[in-house]
Amino acid sequence: MTLDVLVLQPIVALLAGILILLMPRLLSFIVAIYLIVVGVVGLWPHLLR
C-alpha cells in the first residue's frame, strides 16, 4: 500500500477528531495546521514550475 494524499487525509482527519475530543482547546491549532498543509500540498506542483 502506498501512502498518498488520498490515504493520508482520512487518517489525519481521524487523528484530529480524536485529539479535538480529548482536548477541545486544540481545535484552532489543528484546523490551522490542517489548512496550511492542504494548501501547501495543493500548491506544490505549481511552485515547481
PDB file of N, CA and C in Angstrom:
ATOM      1  N   MET A   1       0.847  -1.182   0.000  1.00  0.00           N
ATOM      2  CA  MET A   1       0.000   0.000   0.000  1.00  0.00           C
ATOM      3  C   MET A   1       0.890   1.242   0.000  1.00  0.00           C
ATOM      4  N   THR A   2       0.636   2.140  -0.916  1.00  0.00           N
ATOM      5  CA  THR A   2       1.409   3.369  -0.964  1.00  0.00           C
ATOM      6  C   THR A   2       0.693   4.454  -0.178  1.00  0.00           C
ATOM      7  N   LEU A   3       1.454   5.330   0.437  1.00  0.00           N
ATOM      8  CA  LEU A   3       0.890   6.437   1.198  1.00  0.00           C
ATOM      9  C   LEU A   3       0.830   7.667   0.308  1.00  0.00           C
ATOM     10  N   ASP A   4      -0.343   7.973  -0.166  1.00  0.00           N
ATOM     11  CA  ASP A   4      -0.523   9.190  -0.936  1.00  0.00           C
ATOM     12  C   ASP A   4      -1.569  10.046  -0.233  1.00  0.00           C
ATOM     13  N   VAL A   5      -1.910  11.163  -0.844  1.00  0.00           N
ATOM     14  CA  VAL A   5      -2.821  12.117  -0.208  1.00  0.00           C
ATOM     15  C   VAL A   5      -4.181  11.487   0.049  1.00  0.00           C
ATOM     16  N   LEU A   6      -4.637  10.627  -0.845  1.00  0.00           N
ATOM     17  CA  LEU A   6      -5.951  10.005  -0.677  1.00  0.00           C
ATOM     18  C   LEU A   6      -6.002   9.071   0.523  1.00  0.00           C
ATOM     19  N   VAL A   7      -4.873   8.501   0.891  1.00  0.00           N
ATOM     20  CA  VAL A   7      -4.829   7.615   2.060  1.00  0.00           C
ATOM     21  C   VAL A   7      -4.583   8.423   3.335  1.00  0.00           C
ATOM     22  N   LEU A   8      -3.768   9.459   3.238  1.00  0.00           N
ATOM     23  CA  LEU A   8      -3.403  10.225   4.426  1.00  0.00           C
ATOM     24  C   LEU A   8      -4.527  11.112   4.948  1.00  0.00           C
ATOM     25  N   GLN A   9      -5.372  11.647   4.072  1.00  0.00           N
ATOM     26  CA  GLN A   9      -6.422  12.563   4.519  1.00  0.00           C
ATOM     27  C   GLN A   9      -7.374  11.937   5.529  1.00  0.00           C
ATOM     28  N   PRO A  10      -7.898  10.728   5.304  1.00  0.00           N
ATOM     29  CA  PRO A  10      -8.781  10.150   6.318  1.00  0.00           C
ATOM     30  C   PRO A  10      -8.067   9.834   7.621  1.00  0.00           C
ATOM     31  N   ILE A  11      -6.806   9.433   7.543  1.00  0.00           N
ATOM     32  CA  ILE A  11      -6.041   9.134   8.754  1.00  0.00           C
ATOM     33  C   ILE A  11      -5.818  10.406   9.560  1.00  0.00           C
ATOM     34  N   VAL A  12      -5.439  11.488   8.883  1.00  0.00           N
ATOM     35  CA  VAL A  12      -5.227  12.768   9.560  1.00  0.00           C
ATOM     36  C   VAL A  12      -6.531  13.278  10.155  1.00  0.00           C
ATOM     37  N   ALA A  13      -7.623  13.142   9.415  1.00  0.00           N
ATOM     38  CA  ALA A  13      -8.924  13.590   9.913  1.00  0.00           C
ATOM     39  C   ALA A  13      -9.334  12.797  11.154  1.00  0.00           C
ATOM     40  N   LEU A  14      -9.102  11.497  11.151  1.00  0.00           N
ATOM     41  CA  LEU A  14      -9.434  10.652  12.301  1.00  0.00           C
ATOM     42  C   LEU A  14      -8.609  11.045  13.520  1.00  0.00           C
ATOM     43  N   LEU A  15      -7.313  11.216  13.342  1.00  0.00           N
ATOM     44  CA  LEU A  15      -6.453  11.612  14.452  1.00  0.00           C
ATOM     45  C   LEU A  15      -6.828  12.996  14.983  1.00  0.00           C
ATOM     46  N   ALA A  16      -7.121  13.918  14.079  1.00  0.00           N
ATOM     47  CA  ALA A  16      -7.514  15.263  14.502  1.00  0.00           C
ATOM     48  C   ALA A  16      -8.822  15.215  15.275  1.00  0.00           C
ATOM     49  N   GLY A  17      -9.773  14.421  14.824  1.00  0.00           N
ATOM     50  CA  GLY A  17     -11.045  14.297  15.533  1.00  0.00           C
ATOM     51  C   GLY A  17     -10.876  13.738  16.932  1.00  0.00           C
ATOM     52  N   ILE A  18     -10.022  12.749  17.069  1.00  0.00           N
ATOM     53  CA  ILE A  18      -9.767  12.174  18.400  1.00  0.00           C
ATOM     54  C   ILE A  18      -9.096  13.198  19.306  1.00  0.00           C
ATOM     55  N   LEU A  19      -8.107  13.928  18.776  1.00  0.00           N
ATOM     56  CA  LEU A  19      -7.431  14.944  19.578  1.00  0.00           C
ATOM     57  C   LEU A  19      -8.381  16.056  20.004  1.00  0.00           C
ATOM     58  N   ILE A  20      -9.284  16.449  19.104  1.00  0.00           N
ATOM     59  CA  ILE A  20     -10.241  17.505  19.433  1.00  0.00           C
ATOM     60  C   ILE A  20     -11.194  17.031  20.528  1.00  0.00           C
ATOM     61  N   LEU A  21     -11.608  15.765  20.474  1.00  0.00           N
ATOM     62  CA  LEU A  21     -12.476  15.233  21.523  1.00  0.00           C
ATOM     63  C   LEU A  21     -11.761  15.199  22.871  1.00  0.00           C
ATOM     64  N   LEU A  22     -10.481  14.853  22.845  1.00  0.00           N
ATOM     65  CA  LEU A  22      -9.729  14.749  24.100  1.00  0.00           C
ATOM     66  C   LEU A  22      -9.345  16.114  24.655  1.00  0.00           C
ATOM     67  N   MET A  23      -8.984  17.030  23.776  1.00  0.00           N
ATOM     68  CA  MET A  23      -8.522  18.347  24.192  1.00  0.00           C
ATOM     69  C   MET A  23      -9.156  19.411  23.298  1.00  0.00           C
ATOM     70  N   PRO A  24     -10.350  19.902  23.624  1.00  0.00           N
ATOM     71  CA  PRO A  24     -11.053  20.851  22.747  1.00  0.00           C
ATOM     72  C   PRO A  24     -10.293  22.150  22.480  1.00  0.00           C
ATOM     73  N   ARG A  25      -9.377  22.526  23.333  1.00  0.00           N
ATOM     74  CA  ARG A  25      -8.602  23.756  23.108  1.00  0.00           C
ATOM     75  C   ARG A  25      -7.696  23.649  21.891  1.00  0.00           C
ATOM     76  N   LEU A  26      -7.416  22.428  21.462  1.00  0.00           N
ATOM     77  CA  LEU A  26      -6.539  22.227  20.307  1.00  0.00           C
ATOM     78  C   LEU A  26      -7.236  22.473  18.975  1.00  0.00           C
ATOM     79  N   LEU A  27      -8.541  22.702  18.999  1.00  0.00           N
ATOM     80  CA  LEU A  27      -9.306  22.799  17.757  1.00  0.00           C
ATOM     81  C   LEU A  27      -8.722  23.823  16.792  1.00  0.00           C
ATOM     82  N   SER A  28      -8.477  25.024  17.243  1.00  0.00           N
ATOM     83  CA  SER A  28      -7.997  26.063  16.333  1.00  0.00           C
ATOM     84  C   SER A  28      -6.613  25.731  15.780  1.00  0.00           C
ATOM     85  N   PHE A  29      -5.744  25.152  16.602  1.00  0.00           N
ATOM     86  CA  PHE A  29      -4.409  24.802  16.121  1.00  0.00           C
ATOM     87  C   PHE A  29      -4.467  23.674  15.102  1.00  0.00           C
ATOM     88  N   ILE A  30      -5.292  22.664  15.374  1.00  0.00           N
ATOM     89  CA  ILE A  30      -5.398  21.536  14.458  1.00  0.00           C
ATOM     90  C   ILE A  30      -5.975  21.989  13.122  1.00  0.00           C
ATOM     91  N   VAL A  31      -7.004  22.815  13.155  1.00  0.00           N
ATOM     92  CA  VAL A  31      -7.606  23.307  11.915  1.00  0.00           C
ATOM     93  C   VAL A  31      -6.607  24.162  11.144  1.00  0.00           C
ATOM     94  N   ALA A  32      -5.878  25.016  11.834  1.00  0.00           N
ATOM     95  CA  ALA A  32      -4.896  25.876  11.166  1.00  0.00           C
ATOM     96  C   ALA A  32      -3.789  25.043  10.513  1.00  0.00           C
ATOM     97  N   ILE A  33      -3.264  24.085  11.222  1.00  0.00           N
ATOM     98  CA  ILE A  33      -2.197  23.241  10.674  1.00  0.00           C
ATOM     99  C   ILE A  33      -2.713  22.444   9.484  1.00  0.00           C
ATOM    100  N   TYR A  34      -3.928  21.909   9.604  1.00  0.00           N
ATOM    101  CA  TYR A  34      -4.515  21.134   8.512  1.00  0.00           C
ATOM    102  C   TYR A  34      -4.694  21.991   7.259  1.00  0.00           C
ATOM    103  N   LEU A  35      -5.198  23.197   7.435  1.00  0.00           N
ATOM    104  CA  LEU A  35      -5.402  24.073   6.286  1.00  0.00           C
ATOM    105  C   LEU A  35      -4.087  24.469   5.631  1.00  0.00           C
ATOM    106  N   ILE A  36      -3.068  24.719   6.427  1.00  0.00           N
ATOM    107  CA  ILE A  36      -1.760  25.068   5.878  1.00  0.00           C
ATOM    108  C   ILE A  36      -1.183  23.893   5.086  1.00  0.00           C
ATOM    109  N   VAL A  37      -1.276  22.699   5.637  1.00  0.00           N
ATOM    110  CA  VAL A  37      -0.738  21.520   4.957  1.00  0.00           C
ATOM    111  C   VAL A  37      -1.491  21.257   3.658  1.00  0.00           C
ATOM    112  N   VAL A  38      -2.816  21.339   3.684  1.00  0.00           N
ATOM    113  CA  VAL A  38      -3.603  21.110   2.470  1.00  0.00           C
ATOM    114  C   VAL A  38      -3.284  22.174   1.421  1.00  0.00           C
ATOM    115  N   GLY A  39      -3.113  23.413   1.849  1.00  0.00           N
ATOM    116  CA  GLY A  39      -2.758  24.470   0.918  1.00  0.00           C
ATOM    117  C   GLY A  39      -1.403  24.262   0.279  1.00  0.00           C
ATOM    118  N   VAL A  40      -0.418  23.879   1.060  1.00  0.00           N
ATOM    119  CA  VAL A  40       0.932  23.642   0.526  1.00  0.00           C
ATOM    120  C   VAL A  40       0.925  22.446  -0.417  1.00  0.00           C
ATOM    121  N   VAL A  41       0.229  21.378  -0.040  1.00  0.00           N
ATOM    122  CA  VAL A  41       0.165  20.197  -0.913  1.00  0.00           C
ATOM    123  C   VAL A  41      -0.537  20.538  -2.218  1.00  0.00           C
ATOM    124  N   GLY A  42      -1.571  21.361  -2.162  1.00  0.00           N
ATOM    125  CA  GLY A  42      -2.281  21.750  -3.368  1.00  0.00           C
ATOM    126  C   GLY A  42      -1.467  22.646  -4.271  1.00  0.00           C
ATOM    127  N   LEU A  43      -0.650  23.504  -3.698  1.00  0.00           N
ATOM    128  CA  LEU A  43       0.158  24.430  -4.493  1.00  0.00           C
ATOM    129  C   LEU A  43       1.510  23.860  -4.910  1.00  0.00           C
ATOM    130  N   TRP A  44       1.936  22.776  -4.303  1.00  0.00           N
ATOM    131  CA  TRP A  44       3.272  22.241  -4.528  1.00  0.00           C
ATOM    132  C   TRP A  44       3.598  22.023  -6.011  1.00  0.00           C
ATOM    133  N   PRO A  45       2.723  21.382  -6.796  1.00  0.00           N
ATOM    134  CA  PRO A  45       3.077  21.181  -8.218  1.00  0.00           C
ATOM    135  C   PRO A  45       3.239  22.513  -8.971  1.00  0.00           C
ATOM    136  N   HIS A  46       2.498  23.519  -8.586  1.00  0.00           N
ATOM    137  CA  HIS A  46       2.574  24.814  -9.276  1.00  0.00           C
ATOM    138  C   HIS A  46       3.819  25.605  -8.860  1.00  0.00           C
ATOM    139  N   LEU A  47       4.344  25.340  -7.681  1.00  0.00           N
ATOM    140  CA  LEU A  47       5.526  26.046  -7.211  1.00  0.00           C
ATOM    141  C   LEU A  47       6.796  25.540  -7.886  1.00  0.00           C
ATOM    142  N   LEU A  48       6.765  24.317  -8.392  1.00  0.00           N
ATOM    143  CA  LEU A  48       7.949  23.721  -9.006  1.00  0.00           C
ATOM    144  C   LEU A  48       8.130  24.111 -10.463  1.00  0.00           C
ATOM    145  N   ARG A  49       7.155  24.763 -11.058  1.00  0.00           N
ATOM    146  CA  ARG A  49       7.265  25.128 -12.476  1.00  0.00           C
ATOM    147  C   ARG A  49       8.111  26.345 -12.664  1.00  0.00           C
TER     148      ARG A  49
END
